[in-house]
PDB file of all heavy atoms in Angstrom:
ATOM      1  N   VAL A   1      -1.105 -17.674   2.339  1.00  0.00           N
ATOM      2  CA  VAL A   1      -0.586 -16.873   1.232  1.00  0.00           C
ATOM      3  C   VAL A   1      -0.847 -15.387   1.495  1.00  0.00           C
ATOM      4  O   VAL A   1      -1.942 -14.995   1.937  1.00  0.00           O
ATOM      5  CB  VAL A   1      -1.221 -17.303  -0.112  1.00  0.00           C
ATOM      6  CG1 VAL A   1      -1.079 -16.208  -1.162  1.00  0.00           C
ATOM      7  CG2 VAL A   1      -0.571 -18.587  -0.589  1.00  0.00           C
ATOM      8  N   LEU A   2       0.168 -14.561   1.228  1.00  0.00           N
ATOM      9  CA  LEU A   2       0.037 -13.123   1.387  1.00  0.00           C
ATOM     10  C   LEU A   2       0.144 -12.436   0.013  1.00  0.00           C
ATOM     11  O   LEU A   2       0.801 -12.950  -0.894  1.00  0.00           O
ATOM     12  CB  LEU A   2       1.154 -12.580   2.293  1.00  0.00           C
ATOM     13  CG  LEU A   2       1.208 -13.081   3.722  1.00  0.00           C
ATOM     14  CD1 LEU A   2       2.338 -12.367   4.471  1.00  0.00           C
ATOM     15  CD2 LEU A   2      -0.111 -12.872   4.443  1.00  0.00           C
ATOM     16  N   PHE A   3      -0.495 -11.299  -0.081  1.00  0.00           N
ATOM     17  CA  PHE A   3      -0.405 -10.463  -1.276  1.00  0.00           C
ATOM     18  C   PHE A   3       0.420  -9.218  -0.933  1.00  0.00           C
ATOM     19  O   PHE A   3       0.247  -8.617   0.124  1.00  0.00           O
ATOM     20  CB  PHE A   3      -1.791 -10.008  -1.730  1.00  0.00           C
ATOM     21  CG  PHE A   3      -2.607 -11.062  -2.416  1.00  0.00           C
ATOM     22  CD1 PHE A   3      -3.950 -10.814  -2.697  1.00  0.00           C
ATOM     23  CD2 PHE A   3      -2.086 -12.294  -2.752  1.00  0.00           C
ATOM     24  CE1 PHE A   3      -4.726 -11.764  -3.334  1.00  0.00           C
ATOM     25  CE2 PHE A   3      -2.844 -13.247  -3.375  1.00  0.00           C
ATOM     26  CZ  PHE A   3      -4.174 -12.997  -3.670  1.00  0.00           C
ATOM     27  N   LYS A   4       1.290  -8.848  -1.869  1.00  0.00           N
ATOM     28  CA  LYS A   4       2.073  -7.636  -1.736  1.00  0.00           C
ATOM     29  C   LYS A   4       1.801  -6.736  -2.929  1.00  0.00           C
ATOM     30  O   LYS A   4       1.993  -7.137  -4.084  1.00  0.00           O
ATOM     31  CB  LYS A   4       3.574  -7.968  -1.658  1.00  0.00           C
ATOM     32  CG  LYS A   4       4.475  -6.756  -1.621  1.00  0.00           C
ATOM     33  CD  LYS A   4       5.933  -7.115  -1.393  1.00  0.00           C
ATOM     34  CE  LYS A   4       6.515  -7.911  -2.541  1.00  0.00           C
ATOM     35  NZ  LYS A   4       7.996  -8.081  -2.403  1.00  0.00           N
ATOM     36  N   ALA A   5       1.344  -5.534  -2.676  1.00  0.00           N
ATOM     37  CA  ALA A   5       0.998  -4.601  -3.747  1.00  0.00           C
ATOM     38  C   ALA A   5       2.234  -3.870  -4.228  1.00  0.00           C
ATOM     39  O   ALA A   5       2.916  -3.202  -3.455  1.00  0.00           O
ATOM     40  CB  ALA A   5      -0.049  -3.613  -3.271  1.00  0.00           C
ATOM     41  N   GLU A   6       2.539  -4.018  -5.528  1.00  0.00           N
ATOM     42  CA  GLU A   6       3.608  -3.242  -6.141  1.00  0.00           C
ATOM     43  C   GLU A   6       2.955  -1.966  -6.684  1.00  0.00           C
ATOM     44  O   GLU A   6       2.701  -1.842  -7.878  1.00  0.00           O
ATOM     45  CB  GLU A   6       4.308  -4.037  -7.261  1.00  0.00           C
ATOM     46  CG  GLU A   6       5.590  -3.397  -7.782  1.00  0.00           C
ATOM     47  CD  GLU A   6       5.394  -2.575  -9.050  1.00  0.00           C
ATOM     48  OE1 GLU A   6       4.392  -2.802  -9.768  1.00  0.00           O
ATOM     49  OE2 GLU A   6       6.237  -1.716  -9.338  1.00  0.00           O
ATOM     50  N   ALA A   7       2.644  -1.070  -5.765  1.00  0.00           N
ATOM     51  CA  ALA A   7       1.961   0.173  -6.108  1.00  0.00           C
ATOM     52  C   ALA A   7       2.903   1.317  -5.861  1.00  0.00           C
ATOM     53  O   ALA A   7       3.023   1.810  -4.738  1.00  0.00           O
ATOM     54  CB  ALA A   7       0.677   0.327  -5.281  1.00  0.00           C
ATOM     55  N   ILE A   8       3.623   1.728  -6.903  1.00  0.00           N
ATOM     56  CA  ILE A   8       4.550   2.843  -6.764  1.00  0.00           C
ATOM     57  C   ILE A   8       3.765   4.088  -7.178  1.00  0.00           C
ATOM     58  O   ILE A   8       3.848   4.576  -8.308  1.00  0.00           O
ATOM     59  CB  ILE A   8       5.812   2.628  -7.628  1.00  0.00           C
ATOM     60  CG1 ILE A   8       6.395   1.245  -7.363  1.00  0.00           C
ATOM     61  CG2 ILE A   8       6.842   3.704  -7.337  1.00  0.00           C
ATOM     62  CD1 ILE A   8       6.726   0.976  -5.883  1.00  0.00           C
ATOM     63  N   VAL A   9       2.978   4.579  -6.224  1.00  0.00           N
ATOM     64  CA  VAL A   9       2.025   5.659  -6.494  1.00  0.00           C
ATOM     65  C   VAL A   9       2.254   6.782  -5.500  1.00  0.00           C
ATOM     66  O   VAL A   9       3.063   6.679  -4.567  1.00  0.00           O
ATOM     67  CB  VAL A   9       0.577   5.126  -6.410  1.00  0.00           C
ATOM     68  CG1 VAL A   9       0.366   4.032  -7.459  1.00  0.00           C
ATOM     69  CG2 VAL A   9       0.264   4.578  -5.017  1.00  0.00           C
ATOM     70  N   GLY A  10       1.495   7.847  -5.654  1.00  0.00           N
ATOM     71  CA  GLY A  10       1.606   8.994  -4.769  1.00  0.00           C
ATOM     72  C   GLY A  10       1.161   8.663  -3.361  1.00  0.00           C
ATOM     73  O   GLY A  10       0.372   7.728  -3.141  1.00  0.00           O
ATOM     74  N   PRO A  11       1.635   9.428  -2.372  1.00  0.00           N
ATOM     75  CA  PRO A  11       1.307   9.154  -0.972  1.00  0.00           C
ATOM     76  C   PRO A  11      -0.189   9.101  -0.691  1.00  0.00           C
ATOM     77  O   PRO A  11      -0.656   8.309   0.132  1.00  0.00           O
ATOM     78  CB  PRO A  11       1.964  10.309  -0.215  1.00  0.00           C
ATOM     79  CG  PRO A  11       3.041  10.790  -1.135  1.00  0.00           C
ATOM     80  CD  PRO A  11       2.541  10.575  -2.524  1.00  0.00           C
ATOM     81  N   GLN A  12      -0.976   9.919  -1.397  1.00  0.00           N
ATOM     82  CA  GLN A  12      -2.405   9.954  -1.119  1.00  0.00           C
ATOM     83  C   GLN A  12      -3.127   8.701  -1.597  1.00  0.00           C
ATOM     84  O   GLN A  12      -4.188   8.354  -1.110  1.00  0.00           O
ATOM     85  CB  GLN A  12      -3.041  11.192  -1.759  1.00  0.00           C
ATOM     86  CG  GLN A  12      -3.107  11.182  -3.276  1.00  0.00           C
ATOM     87  CD  GLN A  12      -1.798  11.536  -3.958  1.00  0.00           C
ATOM     88  OE1 GLN A  12      -0.776  11.751  -3.306  1.00  0.00           O
ATOM     89  NE2 GLN A  12      -1.809  11.609  -5.284  1.00  0.00           N
ATOM     90  N   ASP A  13      -2.536   8.017  -2.569  1.00  0.00           N
ATOM     91  CA  ASP A  13      -3.167   6.813  -3.137  1.00  0.00           C
ATOM     92  C   ASP A  13      -2.645   5.541  -2.489  1.00  0.00           C
ATOM     93  O   ASP A  13      -3.302   4.486  -2.592  1.00  0.00           O
ATOM     94  CB  ASP A  13      -2.928   6.737  -4.646  1.00  0.00           C
ATOM     95  CG  ASP A  13      -3.583   7.884  -5.400  1.00  0.00           C
ATOM     96  OD1 ASP A  13      -4.774   8.133  -5.148  1.00  0.00           O
ATOM     97  OD2 ASP A  13      -2.907   8.527  -6.228  1.00  0.00           O
ATOM     98  N   LEU A  14      -1.510   5.582  -1.838  1.00  0.00           N
ATOM     99  CA  LEU A  14      -0.835   4.365  -1.379  1.00  0.00           C
ATOM    100  C   LEU A  14      -1.590   3.590  -0.302  1.00  0.00           C
ATOM    101  O   LEU A  14      -1.713   2.357  -0.390  1.00  0.00           O
ATOM    102  CB  LEU A  14       0.580   4.727  -0.918  1.00  0.00           C
ATOM    103  CG  LEU A  14       1.528   3.579  -0.597  1.00  0.00           C
ATOM    104  CD1 LEU A  14       1.610   2.597  -1.757  1.00  0.00           C
ATOM    105  CD2 LEU A  14       2.914   4.121  -0.253  1.00  0.00           C
ATOM    106  N   PRO A  15      -2.112   4.238   0.764  1.00  0.00           N
ATOM    107  CA  PRO A  15      -2.755   3.456   1.835  1.00  0.00           C
ATOM    108  C   PRO A  15      -3.915   2.596   1.362  1.00  0.00           C
ATOM    109  O   PRO A  15      -4.194   1.564   1.979  1.00  0.00           O
ATOM    110  CB  PRO A  15      -3.227   4.540   2.817  1.00  0.00           C
ATOM    111  CG  PRO A  15      -2.280   5.680   2.600  1.00  0.00           C
ATOM    112  CD  PRO A  15      -2.038   5.662   1.117  1.00  0.00           C
ATOM    113  N   ALA A  16      -4.580   2.981   0.293  1.00  0.00           N
ATOM    114  CA  ALA A  16      -5.722   2.187  -0.191  1.00  0.00           C
ATOM    115  C   ALA A  16      -5.314   0.777  -0.580  1.00  0.00           C
ATOM    116  O   ALA A  16      -6.150  -0.155  -0.554  1.00  0.00           O
ATOM    117  CB  ALA A  16      -6.372   2.898  -1.378  1.00  0.00           C
ATOM    118  N   TYR A  17      -4.043   0.577  -0.929  1.00  0.00           N
ATOM    119  CA  TYR A  17      -3.605  -0.755  -1.341  1.00  0.00           C
ATOM    120  C   TYR A  17      -3.453  -1.705  -0.134  1.00  0.00           C
ATOM    121  O   TYR A  17      -3.362  -2.929  -0.311  1.00  0.00           O
ATOM    122  CB  TYR A  17      -2.306  -0.670  -2.135  1.00  0.00           C
ATOM    123  CG  TYR A  17      -2.564  -0.080  -3.502  1.00  0.00           C
ATOM    124  CD1 TYR A  17      -2.551   1.318  -3.694  1.00  0.00           C
ATOM    125  CD2 TYR A  17      -2.892  -0.885  -4.568  1.00  0.00           C
ATOM    126  CE1 TYR A  17      -2.838   1.870  -4.923  1.00  0.00           C
ATOM    127  CE2 TYR A  17      -3.179  -0.340  -5.818  1.00  0.00           C
ATOM    128  CZ  TYR A  17      -3.157   1.037  -5.996  1.00  0.00           C
ATOM    129  OH  TYR A  17      -3.467   1.571  -7.219  1.00  0.00           O
ATOM    130  N   LEU A  18      -3.455  -1.152   1.083  1.00  0.00           N
ATOM    131  CA  LEU A  18      -3.482  -1.980   2.280  1.00  0.00           C
ATOM    132  C   LEU A  18      -4.865  -2.017   2.921  1.00  0.00           C
ATOM    133  O   LEU A  18      -5.084  -2.705   3.903  1.00  0.00           O
ATOM    134  CB  LEU A  18      -2.452  -1.481   3.298  1.00  0.00           C
ATOM    135  CG  LEU A  18      -0.996  -1.702   2.893  1.00  0.00           C
ATOM    136  CD1 LEU A  18      -0.050  -1.084   3.911  1.00  0.00           C
ATOM    137  CD2 LEU A  18      -0.695  -3.171   2.708  1.00  0.00           C
ATOM    138  N   GLY A  19      -5.802  -1.261   2.312  1.00  0.00           N
ATOM    139  CA  GLY A  19      -7.197  -1.365   2.740  1.00  0.00           C
ATOM    140  C   GLY A  19      -7.718  -0.159   3.466  1.00  0.00           C
ATOM    141  O   GLY A  19      -7.273   0.174   4.563  1.00  0.00           O
ATOM    142  N   GLN A  20      -8.698   0.510   2.848  1.00  0.00           N
ATOM    143  CA  GLN A  20      -9.403   1.629   3.485  1.00  0.00           C
ATOM    144  C   GLN A  20     -10.894   1.417   3.280  1.00  0.00           C
ATOM    145  O   GLN A  20     -11.342   0.794   2.316  1.00  0.00           O
ATOM    146  CB  GLN A  20      -8.965   2.954   2.882  1.00  0.00           C
ATOM    147  CG  GLN A  20      -7.556   3.381   3.237  1.00  0.00           C
ATOM    148  CD  GLN A  20      -7.180   4.730   2.663  1.00  0.00           C
ATOM    149  OE1 GLN A  20      -7.430   4.999   1.485  1.00  0.00           O
ATOM    150  NE2 GLN A  20      -6.557   5.583   3.444  1.00  0.00           N
ATOM    151  N   GLY A  21     -11.690   1.987   4.216  1.00  0.00           N
ATOM    152  CA  GLY A  21     -13.139   1.883   4.065  1.00  0.00           C
ATOM    153  C   GLY A  21     -13.603   0.436   4.007  1.00  0.00           C
ATOM    154  O   GLY A  21     -13.199  -0.389   4.837  1.00  0.00           O
ATOM    155  N   GLU A  22     -14.424   0.113   3.032  1.00  0.00           N
ATOM    156  CA  GLU A  22     -14.984  -1.245   2.932  1.00  0.00           C
ATOM    157  C   GLU A  22     -13.918  -2.299   2.647  1.00  0.00           C
ATOM    158  O   GLU A  22     -14.129  -3.492   2.823  1.00  0.00           O
ATOM    159  CB  GLU A  22     -16.064  -1.294   1.849  1.00  0.00           C
ATOM    160  CG  GLU A  22     -15.531  -0.994   0.441  1.00  0.00           C
ATOM    161  CD  GLU A  22     -16.638  -1.037  -0.594  1.00  0.00           C
ATOM    162  OE1 GLU A  22     -17.631  -1.763  -0.375  1.00  0.00           O
ATOM    163  OE2 GLU A  22     -16.524  -0.360  -1.632  1.00  0.00           O
ATOM    164  N   HIS A  23     -12.754  -1.857   2.184  1.00  0.00           N
ATOM    165  CA  HIS A  23     -11.673  -2.804   1.885  1.00  0.00           C
ATOM    166  C   HIS A  23     -10.658  -2.906   3.028  1.00  0.00           C
ATOM    167  O   HIS A  23      -9.613  -3.550   2.850  1.00  0.00           O
ATOM    168  CB  HIS A  23     -10.950  -2.365   0.602  1.00  0.00           C
ATOM    169  CG  HIS A  23     -11.842  -2.248  -0.585  1.00  0.00           C
ATOM    170  ND1 HIS A  23     -12.602  -3.275  -1.067  1.00  0.00           N
ATOM    171  CD2 HIS A  23     -12.097  -1.186  -1.399  1.00  0.00           C
ATOM    172  CE1 HIS A  23     -13.293  -2.876  -2.135  1.00  0.00           C
ATOM    173  NE2 HIS A  23     -12.999  -1.616  -2.347  1.00  0.00           N
ATOM    174  N   HIS A  24     -10.977  -2.326   4.186  1.00  0.00           N
ATOM    175  CA  HIS A  24     -10.033  -2.289   5.303  1.00  0.00           C
ATOM    176  C   HIS A  24      -9.566  -3.697   5.669  1.00  0.00           C
ATOM    177  O   HIS A  24     -10.371  -4.549   6.058  1.00  0.00           O
ATOM    178  CB  HIS A  24     -10.688  -1.624   6.526  1.00  0.00           C
ATOM    179  CG  HIS A  24      -9.796  -1.475   7.713  1.00  0.00           C
ATOM    180  ND1 HIS A  24      -9.009  -0.355   7.916  1.00  0.00           N
ATOM    181  CD2 HIS A  24      -9.525  -2.294   8.756  1.00  0.00           C
ATOM    182  CE1 HIS A  24      -8.336  -0.491   9.032  1.00  0.00           C
ATOM    183  NE2 HIS A  24      -8.618  -1.666   9.568  1.00  0.00           N
ATOM    184  N   GLY A  25      -8.244  -3.931   5.529  1.00  0.00           N
ATOM    185  CA  GLY A  25      -7.694  -5.220   5.914  1.00  0.00           C
ATOM    186  C   GLY A  25      -8.112  -6.377   5.023  1.00  0.00           C
ATOM    187  O   GLY A  25      -7.913  -7.536   5.383  1.00  0.00           O
ATOM    188  N   LYS A  26      -8.658  -6.102   3.813  1.00  0.00           N
ATOM    189  CA  LYS A  26      -9.191  -7.163   2.971  1.00  0.00           C
ATOM    190  C   LYS A  26      -8.547  -7.211   1.597  1.00  0.00           C
ATOM    191  O   LYS A  26      -9.035  -7.897   0.703  1.00  0.00           O
ATOM    192  CB  LYS A  26     -10.708  -7.002   2.803  1.00  0.00           C
ATOM    193  CG  LYS A  26     -11.488  -7.116   4.103  1.00  0.00           C
ATOM    194  CD  LYS A  26     -12.968  -6.897   3.862  1.00  0.00           C
ATOM    195  CE  LYS A  26     -13.750  -6.983   5.176  1.00  0.00           C
ATOM    196  NZ  LYS A  26     -15.205  -6.715   4.954  1.00  0.00           N
ATOM    197  N   VAL A  27      -7.463  -6.450   1.407  1.00  0.00           N
ATOM    198  CA  VAL A  27      -6.834  -6.441   0.094  1.00  0.00           C
ATOM    199  C   VAL A  27      -5.397  -6.964   0.231  1.00  0.00           C
ATOM    200  O   VAL A  27      -5.197  -8.085   0.657  1.00  0.00           O
ATOM    201  CB  VAL A  27      -6.934  -5.050  -0.571  1.00  0.00           C
ATOM    202  CG1 VAL A  27      -8.354  -4.832  -1.101  1.00  0.00           C
ATOM    203  CG2 VAL A  27      -6.592  -3.918   0.390  1.00  0.00           C
ATOM    204  N   SER A  28      -4.400  -6.189  -0.091  1.00  0.00           N
ATOM    205  CA  SER A  28      -3.028  -6.660   0.048  1.00  0.00           C
ATOM    206  C   SER A  28      -2.592  -6.591   1.502  1.00  0.00           C
ATOM    207  O   SER A  28      -3.015  -5.733   2.277  1.00  0.00           O
ATOM    208  CB  SER A  28      -2.081  -5.810  -0.811  1.00  0.00           C
ATOM    209  OG  SER A  28      -2.341  -6.030  -2.190  1.00  0.00           O
ATOM    210  N   ASP A  29      -1.736  -7.545   1.864  1.00  0.00           N
ATOM    211  CA  ASP A  29      -1.199  -7.612   3.216  1.00  0.00           C
ATOM    212  C   ASP A  29       0.047  -6.770   3.366  1.00  0.00           C
ATOM    213  O   ASP A  29       0.399  -6.348   4.476  1.00  0.00           O
ATOM    214  CB  ASP A  29      -0.872  -9.071   3.567  1.00  0.00           C
ATOM    215  CG  ASP A  29      -2.045  -9.998   3.317  1.00  0.00           C
ATOM    216  OD1 ASP A  29      -2.930 -10.046   4.179  1.00  0.00           O
ATOM    217  OD2 ASP A  29      -2.084 -10.634   2.249  1.00  0.00           O
ATOM    218  N   LEU A  30       0.752  -6.549   2.257  1.00  0.00           N
ATOM    219  CA  LEU A  30       2.006  -5.814   2.246  1.00  0.00           C
ATOM    220  C   LEU A  30       1.957  -4.819   1.114  1.00  0.00           C
ATOM    221  O   LEU A  30       1.310  -5.040   0.080  1.00  0.00           O
ATOM    222  CB  LEU A  30       3.203  -6.751   2.023  1.00  0.00           C
ATOM    223  CG  LEU A  30       3.385  -7.915   3.003  1.00  0.00           C
ATOM    224  CD1 LEU A  30       4.354  -8.942   2.430  1.00  0.00           C
ATOM    225  CD2 LEU A  30       3.889  -7.389   4.329  1.00  0.00           C
ATOM    226  N   ALA A  31       2.675  -3.709   1.252  1.00  0.00           N
ATOM    227  CA  ALA A  31       2.810  -2.724   0.173  1.00  0.00           C
ATOM    228  C   ALA A  31       4.146  -2.033   0.319  1.00  0.00           C
ATOM    229  O   ALA A  31       4.641  -1.820   1.439  1.00  0.00           O
ATOM    230  CB  ALA A  31       1.664  -1.710   0.180  1.00  0.00           C
ATOM    231  N   TYR A  32       4.718  -1.643  -0.810  1.00  0.00           N
ATOM    232  CA  TYR A  32       6.020  -0.962  -0.804  1.00  0.00           C
ATOM    233  C   TYR A  32       5.893   0.455  -0.262  1.00  0.00           C
ATOM    234  O   TYR A  32       5.028   1.223  -0.711  1.00  0.00           O
ATOM    235  CB  TYR A  32       6.577  -0.903  -2.220  1.00  0.00           C
ATOM    236  CG  TYR A  32       7.116  -2.206  -2.730  1.00  0.00           C
ATOM    237  CD1 TYR A  32       6.392  -3.005  -3.594  1.00  0.00           C
ATOM    238  CD2 TYR A  32       8.389  -2.647  -2.353  1.00  0.00           C
ATOM    239  CE1 TYR A  32       6.897  -4.208  -4.074  1.00  0.00           C
ATOM    240  CE2 TYR A  32       8.906  -3.833  -2.833  1.00  0.00           C
ATOM    241  CZ  TYR A  32       8.164  -4.622  -3.674  1.00  0.00           C
ATOM    242  OH  TYR A  32       8.661  -5.797  -4.138  1.00  0.00           O
ATOM    243  N   HIS A  33       6.767   0.802   0.660  1.00  0.00           N
ATOM    244  CA  HIS A  33       6.803   2.174   1.159  1.00  0.00           C
ATOM    245  C   HIS A  33       7.811   2.952   0.304  1.00  0.00           C
ATOM    246  O   HIS A  33       8.916   3.300   0.757  1.00  0.00           O
ATOM    247  CB  HIS A  33       7.212   2.197   2.631  1.00  0.00           C
ATOM    248  CG  HIS A  33       6.790   3.451   3.352  1.00  0.00           C
ATOM    249  ND1 HIS A  33       6.763   4.685   2.748  1.00  0.00           N
ATOM    250  CD2 HIS A  33       6.364   3.652   4.619  1.00  0.00           C
ATOM    251  CE1 HIS A  33       6.355   5.593   3.604  1.00  0.00           C
ATOM    252  NE2 HIS A  33       6.113   4.999   4.766  1.00  0.00           N
ATOM    253  N   ASN A  34       7.400   3.205  -0.931  1.00  0.00           N
ATOM    254  CA  ASN A  34       8.266   3.897  -1.865  1.00  0.00           C
ATOM    255  C   ASN A  34       8.665   5.278  -1.335  1.00  0.00           C
ATOM    256  O   ASN A  34       9.791   5.738  -1.529  1.00  0.00           O
ATOM    257  CB  ASN A  34       7.562   4.044  -3.216  1.00  0.00           C
ATOM    258  CG  ASN A  34       8.410   4.751  -4.242  1.00  0.00           C
ATOM    259  OD1 ASN A  34       9.479   4.306  -4.594  1.00  0.00           O
ATOM    260  ND2 ASN A  34       7.922   5.890  -4.745  1.00  0.00           N
ATOM    261  N   GLY A  35       7.729   5.929  -0.648  1.00  0.00           N
ATOM    262  CA  GLY A  35       8.015   7.265  -0.148  1.00  0.00           C
ATOM    263  C   GLY A  35       9.165   7.283   0.853  1.00  0.00           C
ATOM    264  O   GLY A  35       9.968   8.226   0.874  1.00  0.00           O
ATOM    265  N   LEU A  36       9.267   6.252   1.691  1.00  0.00           N
ATOM    266  CA  LEU A  36      10.364   6.211   2.643  1.00  0.00           C
ATOM    267  C   LEU A  36      11.690   6.093   1.914  1.00  0.00           C
ATOM    268  O   LEU A  36      12.659   6.779   2.260  1.00  0.00           O
ATOM    269  CB  LEU A  36      10.168   5.038   3.604  1.00  0.00           C
ATOM    270  CG  LEU A  36      11.277   4.857   4.647  1.00  0.00           C
ATOM    271  CD1 LEU A  36      11.354   6.052   5.580  1.00  0.00           C
ATOM    272  CD2 LEU A  36      11.059   3.560   5.448  1.00  0.00           C
ATOM    273  N   MET A  37      11.756   5.223   0.907  1.00  0.00           N
ATOM    274  CA  MET A  37      12.987   5.068   0.135  1.00  0.00           C
ATOM    275  C   MET A  37      13.406   6.398  -0.495  1.00  0.00           C
ATOM    276  O   MET A  37      14.568   6.812  -0.406  1.00  0.00           O
ATOM    277  CB  MET A  37      12.798   4.003  -0.940  1.00  0.00           C
ATOM    278  CG  MET A  37      14.034   3.688  -1.763  1.00  0.00           C
ATOM    279  SD  MET A  37      14.207   4.697  -3.262  1.00  0.00           S
ATOM    280  CE  MET A  37      12.852   4.116  -4.265  1.00  0.00           C
ATOM    281  N   VAL A  38      12.468   7.083  -1.130  1.00  0.00           N
ATOM    282  CA  VAL A  38      12.775   8.354  -1.769  1.00  0.00           C
ATOM    283  C   VAL A  38      13.280   9.350  -0.744  1.00  0.00           C
ATOM    284  O   VAL A  38      14.253  10.086  -0.977  1.00  0.00           O
ATOM    285  CB  VAL A  38      11.521   8.895  -2.498  1.00  0.00           C
ATOM    286  CG1 VAL A  38      11.722  10.356  -2.932  1.00  0.00           C
ATOM    287  CG2 VAL A  38      11.202   8.011  -3.717  1.00  0.00           C
ATOM    288  N   GLN A  39      12.634   9.402   0.418  1.00  0.00           N
ATOM    289  CA  GLN A  39      13.027  10.398   1.418  1.00  0.00           C
ATOM    290  C   GLN A  39      14.367  10.078   2.065  1.00  0.00           C
ATOM    291  O   GLN A  39      15.082  10.997   2.483  1.00  0.00           O
ATOM    292  CB  GLN A  39      11.933  10.510   2.497  1.00  0.00           C
ATOM    293  CG  GLN A  39      10.606  11.056   1.992  1.00  0.00           C
ATOM    294  CD  GLN A  39      10.708  12.467   1.408  1.00  0.00           C
ATOM    295  OE1 GLN A  39      11.649  13.209   1.718  1.00  0.00           O
ATOM    296  NE2 GLN A  39       9.762  12.821   0.563  1.00  0.00           N
ATOM    297  N   VAL A  40      14.751   8.822   2.118  1.00  0.00           N
ATOM    298  CA  VAL A  40      16.099   8.494   2.599  1.00  0.00           C
ATOM    299  C   VAL A  40      17.132   9.168   1.738  1.00  0.00           C
ATOM    300  O   VAL A  40      18.074   9.839   2.226  1.00  0.00           O
ATOM    301  CB  VAL A  40      16.313   6.965   2.622  1.00  0.00           C
ATOM    302  CG1 VAL A  40      17.805   6.641   2.786  1.00  0.00           C
ATOM    303  CG2 VAL A  40      15.525   6.313   3.752  1.00  0.00           C
TER     304      VAL A  40
END
């Protein structure tokens, strides 16, 4: 089973949903790249 974070947040907050620091690689496996969609 995989987790996908529906985190439509600012660029500075987004990477944390895929894991930073002590949560590196231990939270959601997928996250929406909302910023890419907006920039398209």
